[in-house]
Amino acid sequence: MKAIEVSEFGNSNVLKYKELKDPVMKDDEIYVSLKAAAVNPVETYVRQGTYAQLPSLPYIPGKDGAGIVKAVGAQVKNFKVGDRVFVTVESDAQFGTYAQAITCKATEATLLPEIMTYSQGAALGSSGLTALYALKQKADLKSGEYILIHGATGGVGTLVLQFAKLYGAKVIATAGSEKGLEILKKLGADYVFNHHAEGYIERIQDLTKDHGLDVIIEMLANVNLQKDLDAIGNNGRIVIIGNRGEVTINPRVLMMKGAHITGLMLANITPEEVEENTHLLLQGLSEGVKPVVDKVFPLEQAATAQDYIMENKGSLGKIILDTAAE
């Protein structure tokens, strides 16, 4: 099979497109012919060797993918050959989804609804679980609450927005471009703001001055965290999903408001939370939630795709690799 292999940690040049042996399936695994794989920021940190959990070298990158089940292990009862599935494996997995095929535990796969394309399926796993982990277990979002999604146009942010609306929240979302703002409006945001515009935080504060923000989902804490503290209401909850550097804040603002800051890393989610959130994810899809796909790159352009996701701060959905065999 064709796959991307990493034999040393470093920049995107270490992502090599190669012919590798097909994976060998174990009794508790399924063999999936992959049609699409998602490109996640965490995969760039792993590739650089800076992430907390690292695979042994060499390895195949990729957490998320979607495809067709071609074989099932002797112990597997909940899948059959021909099933369409999306899969999510650990960040430090030795054999990831940047490949034409993968073997994974049956517990790492979920049936892909017929209404979803393979590209959409690849965009579901980590992003969907992260969105729901943030809203349900971390923020405990309730109907009628005001939520700000600070940087909402990425693969996670667009799902957070849709689920927040589904759960009855009043959604304020930001983007860095007019195209991004239009996408957020189409996804159902009640209010949209350009986070490059002067005074946008003050305008958000004016919008919610009688109530204040109940929840902020933060995608770039090193840039925005102090702004979040200024905008959050009393006893509000700030959930950090993304960060790319150190930040200095004034804790007194946090103290005065009795607000809470919590971080999120999908590696810390419990099996019970995965099960609950997978159920909520599928329920949301049946009620109209759809992952947004930004660009699709050929598998051999994985390096270009990873560079794009890190250099382009205005992504409009998920970046996908086309892994289908010719």
Protein backbone atom coordinates (compact mmCIF):
# COMPACT_ATOMS: atom_id res chain seq x y z
CA MET A 1 0.00 0.00 0.00
CA LYS A 2 0.99 3.64 -0.40
CA ALA A 3 1.47 5.56 2.84
CA ILE A 4 3.28 8.45 4.48
CA GLU A 5 6.15 7.36 6.73
CA VAL A 6 8.15 9.39 9.26
CA SER A 7 11.62 8.02 10.09
CA GLU A 8 12.91 11.05 12.02
CA PHE A 9 11.31 13.96 13.84
CA GLY A 10 11.55 17.34 12.15
CA ASN A 11 9.87 19.70 9.70
CA SER A 12 7.36 18.63 7.07
CA ASN A 13 10.16 17.34 4.81
CA VAL A 14 10.35 14.19 6.97
CA LEU A 15 6.92 13.10 5.66
CA LYS A 16 7.85 10.55 2.98
CA TYR A 17 5.41 9.03 0.48
CA LYS A 18 6.31 5.33 0.23
CA GLU A 19 5.21 1.85 -0.76
CA LEU A 20 4.82 -0.11 2.49
CA LYS A 21 3.60 -3.56 3.45
CA ASP A 22 -0.12 -3.94 4.13
CA PRO A 23 -0.91 -3.95 7.87
CA VAL A 24 -1.54 -7.31 9.55
CA MET A 25 -4.90 -7.60 11.31
CA LYS A 26 -5.29 -9.01 14.84
CA ASP A 27 -8.32 -10.90 16.14
CA ASP A 28 -9.82 -7.82 17.85
CA GLU A 29 -9.22 -5.54 14.85
CA ILE A 30 -10.78 -4.61 11.54
CA TYR A 31 -8.98 -3.96 8.25
CA VAL A 32 -10.15 -0.74 6.61
CA SER A 33 -9.47 0.41 3.06
CA LEU A 34 -9.14 4.13 3.69
CA LYS A 35 -10.69 6.68 1.35
CA ALA A 36 -9.85 9.84 3.30
CA ALA A 37 -7.76 10.99 6.27
CA ALA A 38 -7.95 14.20 8.28
CA VAL A 39 -4.97 16.46 8.92
CA ASN A 40 -4.95 17.63 12.55
CA PRO A 41 -2.63 20.19 14.19
CA VAL A 42 -1.59 17.57 16.77
CA GLU A 43 0.01 15.54 13.97
CA THR A 44 2.42 18.39 13.27
CA TYR A 45 3.48 18.48 16.94
CA VAL A 46 4.05 14.72 16.91
CA ARG A 47 6.03 14.98 13.66
CA GLN A 48 8.20 17.72 15.22
CA GLY A 49 8.83 15.51 18.26
CA THR A 50 7.41 18.12 20.66
CA TYR A 51 4.19 16.36 21.69
CA ALA A 52 3.84 14.63 25.08
CA GLN A 53 3.00 11.26 23.52
CA LEU A 54 5.29 10.14 20.71
CA PRO A 55 5.32 6.94 18.63
CA SER A 56 8.46 4.95 18.02
CA LEU A 57 10.21 5.60 14.71
CA PRO A 58 9.38 4.92 11.96
CA TYR A 59 5.63 5.52 12.06
CA ILE A 60 2.65 6.40 9.85
CA PRO A 61 0.96 9.66 10.99
CA GLY A 62 -2.76 10.33 11.25
CA LYS A 63 -5.48 10.10 13.90
CA ASP A 64 -8.64 10.18 11.77
CA GLY A 65 -9.84 8.48 8.61
CA ALA A 66 -12.81 6.95 6.85
CA GLY A 67 -13.24 4.03 4.49
CA ILE A 68 -14.67 0.56 3.92
CA VAL A 69 -14.20 -2.52 6.10
CA LYS A 70 -12.45 -5.22 4.05
CA ALA A 71 -11.90 -7.82 6.79
CA VAL A 72 -12.85 -8.39 10.43
CA GLY A 73 -10.98 -10.22 13.18
CA ALA A 74 -12.32 -13.39 14.77
CA GLN A 75 -13.35 -11.56 17.95
CA VAL A 76 -15.16 -8.70 16.19
CA LYS A 77 -18.95 -8.93 16.25
CA ASN A 78 -20.15 -5.38 15.56
CA PHE A 79 -18.73 -4.85 12.04
CA LYS A 80 -18.91 -6.75 8.78
CA VAL A 81 -17.15 -6.60 5.43
CA GLY A 82 -18.52 -3.71 3.38
CA ASP A 83 -19.39 -1.44 6.30
CA ARG A 84 -18.57 2.25 5.87
CA VAL A 85 -16.73 3.48 8.96
CA PHE A 86 -14.80 6.40 10.38
CA VAL A 87 -11.88 5.67 12.69
CA THR A 88 -9.94 7.56 15.35
CA VAL A 89 -6.66 6.17 16.71
CA GLU A 90 -4.29 7.44 19.41
CA SER A 91 -1.91 10.33 18.65
CA ASP A 92 1.07 8.06 19.34
CA ALA A 93 -0.24 5.17 17.21
CA GLN A 94 2.47 3.40 15.22
CA PHE A 95 0.23 2.96 12.21
CA GLY A 96 -2.02 5.94 11.50
CA THR A 97 -4.44 7.05 8.78
CA TYR A 98 -2.07 8.71 6.28
CA ALA A 99 -2.26 5.50 4.28
CA GLN A 100 -4.41 3.55 1.85
CA ALA A 101 -5.29 1.02 4.57
CA ILE A 102 -5.25 0.62 8.33
CA THR A 103 -5.94 -2.04 10.92
CA CYS A 104 -7.49 -0.71 14.11
CA LYS A 105 -9.33 -2.00 17.13
CA ALA A 106 -13.07 -2.34 16.59
CA THR A 107 -13.53 0.09 19.50
CA GLU A 108 -11.73 2.77 17.46
CA ALA A 109 -14.25 2.60 14.59
CA THR A 110 -17.82 3.86 14.19
CA LEU A 111 -20.33 3.22 11.43
CA LEU A 112 -20.39 6.16 9.02
CA PRO A 113 -23.92 7.39 8.27
CA GLU A 114 -24.88 7.07 4.61
CA ILE A 115 -25.51 10.83 4.40
CA MET A 116 -21.81 11.49 5.06
CA THR A 117 -19.06 11.40 2.42
CA TYR A 118 -15.71 9.79 3.25
CA SER A 119 -14.11 13.25 3.49
CA GLN A 120 -16.78 14.31 5.97
CA GLY A 121 -16.30 11.04 7.83
CA ALA A 122 -12.58 11.65 8.19
CA ALA A 123 -13.40 15.09 9.62
CA LEU A 124 -15.66 13.65 12.32
CA GLY A 125 -13.65 11.67 14.85
CA SER A 126 -11.22 13.86 16.79
CA SER A 127 -12.99 17.11 15.91
CA GLY A 128 -16.42 15.83 16.88
CA LEU A 129 -15.22 14.30 20.13
CA THR A 130 -13.27 17.46 20.98
CA ALA A 131 -16.26 19.71 20.27
CA LEU A 132 -18.55 17.66 22.50
CA TYR A 133 -15.90 17.18 25.21
CA ALA A 134 -15.59 20.97 25.35
CA LEU A 135 -19.33 21.68 25.40
CA LYS A 136 -20.55 18.83 27.59
CA GLN A 137 -17.91 17.67 30.04
CA LYS A 138 -15.82 20.86 30.28
CA ALA A 139 -18.22 23.80 29.81
CA ASP A 140 -21.48 22.08 30.81
CA LEU A 141 -23.27 24.32 28.29
CA LYS A 142 -26.97 24.89 28.96
CA SER A 143 -29.82 26.05 26.75
CA GLY A 144 -30.13 29.84 26.66
CA GLU A 145 -26.54 30.53 27.68
CA TYR A 146 -24.30 32.93 25.75
CA ILE A 147 -21.28 31.22 24.22
CA LEU A 148 -18.37 32.82 22.34
CA ILE A 149 -16.42 30.59 19.97
CA HIS A 150 -13.17 32.49 19.59
CA GLY A 151 -11.89 31.45 16.16
CA ALA A 152 -14.77 29.31 14.93
CA THR A 153 -13.96 28.49 11.31
CA GLY A 154 -11.73 25.44 11.79
CA GLY A 155 -12.72 21.79 11.86
CA VAL A 156 -13.47 21.84 15.59
CA GLY A 157 -14.95 25.33 15.75
CA THR A 158 -17.52 24.72 13.03
CA LEU A 159 -18.74 21.64 14.91
CA VAL A 160 -18.77 23.46 18.27
CA LEU A 161 -20.95 26.13 16.67
CA GLN A 162 -23.46 23.65 15.26
CA PHE A 163 -23.75 21.63 18.46
CA ALA A 164 -24.07 24.79 20.59
CA LYS A 165 -26.99 25.88 18.40
CA LEU A 166 -28.49 22.41 18.58
CA TYR A 167 -28.38 22.61 22.37
CA GLY A 168 -30.17 25.97 22.45
CA ALA A 169 -27.30 28.35 23.22
CA LYS A 170 -26.99 31.91 21.93
CA VAL A 171 -23.90 31.67 19.75
CA ILE A 172 -21.35 34.42 19.13
CA ALA A 173 -18.58 33.35 16.75
CA THR A 174 -15.47 35.03 15.35
CA ALA A 175 -13.52 34.65 12.13
CA GLY A 176 -10.62 36.44 10.49
CA SER A 177 -12.11 36.99 7.03
CA GLU A 178 -15.36 37.96 5.33
CA LYS A 179 -15.62 34.49 3.82
CA GLY A 180 -15.23 32.99 7.27
CA LEU A 181 -17.95 35.24 8.67
CA GLU A 182 -20.31 34.17 5.90
CA ILE A 183 -19.68 30.50 6.68
CA LEU A 184 -20.40 31.09 10.37
CA LYS A 185 -23.67 32.84 9.51
CA LYS A 186 -24.71 29.93 7.30
CA LEU A 187 -23.92 27.49 10.11
CA GLY A 188 -26.35 29.36 12.36
CA ALA A 189 -24.30 31.75 14.50
CA ASP A 190 -26.52 34.40 16.11
CA TYR A 191 -23.78 37.04 15.99
CA VAL A 192 -20.46 37.11 14.12
CA PHE A 193 -17.42 39.33 14.58
CA ASN A 194 -14.10 39.72 12.78
CA HIS A 195 -11.41 39.15 15.40
CA HIS A 196 -8.98 41.30 13.42
CA ALA A 197 -11.27 44.33 13.72
CA GLU A 198 -10.43 47.04 16.23
CA GLY A 199 -12.67 46.96 19.30
CA TYR A 200 -14.46 43.70 18.55
CA ILE A 201 -14.20 42.49 22.15
CA GLU A 202 -15.80 45.71 23.37
CA ARG A 203 -18.64 45.17 20.89
CA ILE A 204 -19.14 41.65 22.23
CA GLN A 205 -19.16 43.03 25.77
CA ASP A 206 -21.78 45.61 24.75
CA LEU A 207 -23.88 42.85 23.21
CA THR A 208 -23.89 40.84 26.45
CA LYS A 209 -23.49 43.64 29.02
CA ASP A 210 -26.70 42.80 30.89
CA HIS A 211 -25.78 39.15 31.12
CA GLY A 212 -22.15 38.53 30.21
CA LEU A 213 -20.72 35.53 28.41
CA ASP A 214 -21.39 32.22 30.11
CA VAL A 215 -18.93 30.17 28.06
CA ILE A 216 -15.94 30.91 25.84
CA ILE A 217 -14.37 28.22 23.67
CA GLU A 218 -10.83 29.40 22.94
CA MET A 219 -8.86 28.20 19.92
CA LEU A 220 -5.71 30.36 20.33
CA ALA A 221 -5.15 31.07 24.00
CA ASN A 222 -1.72 32.65 23.63
CA VAL A 223 -3.33 35.47 21.63
CA ASN A 224 -6.78 35.75 23.17
CA LEU A 225 -6.85 34.60 26.79
CA GLN A 226 -6.72 38.06 28.40
CA LYS A 227 -9.48 39.21 26.02
CA ASP A 228 -11.50 36.20 27.14
CA LEU A 229 -11.08 37.23 30.79
CA ASP A 230 -12.31 40.73 29.94
CA ALA A 231 -15.39 39.38 28.14
CA ILE A 232 -16.42 36.47 30.38
CA GLY A 233 -19.33 36.97 32.77
CA ASN A 234 -19.51 36.21 36.47
CA ASN A 235 -18.98 32.49 37.12
CA GLY A 236 -18.31 31.97 33.41
CA ARG A 237 -16.31 29.08 31.97
CA ILE A 238 -13.41 29.44 29.54
CA VAL A 239 -12.37 26.22 27.78
CA ILE A 240 -8.99 26.24 26.01
CA ILE A 241 -8.81 23.96 22.98
CA GLY A 242 -5.85 25.52 21.17
CA ASN A 243 -2.62 27.29 22.14
CA ARG A 244 0.68 28.00 20.39
CA GLY A 245 2.79 29.81 22.95
CA GLU A 246 3.05 31.39 26.38
CA VAL A 247 0.65 34.07 27.59
CA THR A 248 0.51 36.59 30.43
CA ILE A 249 -2.85 37.28 32.09
CA ASN A 250 -4.14 39.25 35.07
CA PRO A 251 -5.53 36.63 37.49
CA ARG A 252 -7.33 39.33 39.49
CA VAL A 253 -9.91 39.61 36.70
CA LEU A 254 -10.53 35.88 37.06
CA MET A 255 -10.84 36.24 40.83
CA MET A 256 -13.25 39.18 40.68
CA LYS A 257 -15.59 37.35 38.32
CA GLY A 258 -15.33 33.94 39.95
CA ALA A 259 -14.70 32.57 36.46
CA HIS A 260 -13.06 29.28 35.56
CA ILE A 261 -10.39 28.40 33.00
CA THR A 262 -9.99 24.77 31.98
CA GLY A 263 -7.81 23.13 29.36
CA LEU A 264 -8.76 20.30 27.08
CA MET A 265 -6.70 17.52 25.56
CA LEU A 266 -8.51 14.66 23.89
CA ALA A 267 -5.93 12.21 25.27
CA ASN A 268 -7.51 12.74 28.71
CA ILE A 269 -11.04 11.75 27.72
CA THR A 270 -12.35 8.62 29.46
CA PRO A 271 -13.78 5.59 27.62
CA GLU A 272 -17.17 6.42 29.13
CA GLU A 273 -17.00 9.97 27.77
CA VAL A 274 -15.96 8.67 24.35
CA GLU A 275 -18.99 6.39 24.30
CA GLU A 276 -21.34 9.18 25.42
CA ASN A 277 -19.93 11.73 22.99
CA THR A 278 -19.93 9.30 20.06
CA HIS A 279 -23.64 8.74 20.70
CA LEU A 280 -24.19 12.52 20.83
CA LEU A 281 -22.14 12.97 17.66
CA LEU A 282 -24.23 10.48 15.69
CA GLN A 283 -27.41 11.98 17.11
CA GLY A 284 -26.26 15.42 15.99
CA LEU A 285 -25.51 14.18 12.47
CA SER A 286 -29.04 12.81 12.24
CA GLU A 287 -30.33 16.25 13.23
CA GLY A 288 -28.39 18.16 10.58
CA VAL A 289 -24.90 18.74 11.99
CA LYS A 290 -22.30 18.46 9.21
CA PRO A 291 -18.50 18.68 9.33
CA VAL A 292 -17.07 21.40 7.10
CA VAL A 293 -14.25 20.44 4.71
CA ASP A 294 -11.84 23.20 3.66
CA LYS A 295 -9.42 21.57 1.21
CA VAL A 296 -8.59 18.07 -0.02
CA PHE A 297 -4.97 17.20 -0.86
CA PRO A 298 -3.64 14.00 -2.49
CA LEU A 299 -1.96 11.66 -0.01
CA GLU A 300 1.45 12.32 -1.54
CA GLN A 301 1.05 16.03 -0.66
CA ALA A 302 0.76 15.39 3.09
CA ALA A 303 3.67 17.75 3.77
CA THR A 304 1.93 20.56 1.88
CA ALA A 305 -1.28 19.84 3.79
CA GLN A 306 0.47 20.00 7.17
CA ASP A 307 2.23 23.25 6.22
CA TYR A 308 -1.12 24.67 5.11
CA ILE A 309 -2.84 23.90 8.40
CA MET A 310 -0.09 25.55 10.45
CA GLU A 311 0.58 28.57 8.24
CA ASN A 312 -3.00 29.42 7.30
CA LYS A 313 -4.67 31.00 10.33
CA GLY A 314 -7.98 31.37 8.49
CA SER A 315 -8.84 27.75 7.72
CA LEU A 316 -12.48 27.25 6.77
CA GLY A 317 -13.08 23.71 7.98
CA LYS A 318 -11.05 20.52 8.02
CA ILE A 319 -8.05 19.68 5.84
CA ILE A 320 -8.36 16.22 4.25
CA LEU A 321 -6.02 13.81 2.46
CA ASP A 322 -7.43 11.70 -0.38
CA THR A 323 -6.12 8.23 0.47
CA ALA A 324 -8.17 6.19 -2.01
CA ALA A 325 -6.08 3.70 -3.99
CA GLU A 326 -5.97 4.37 -7.71
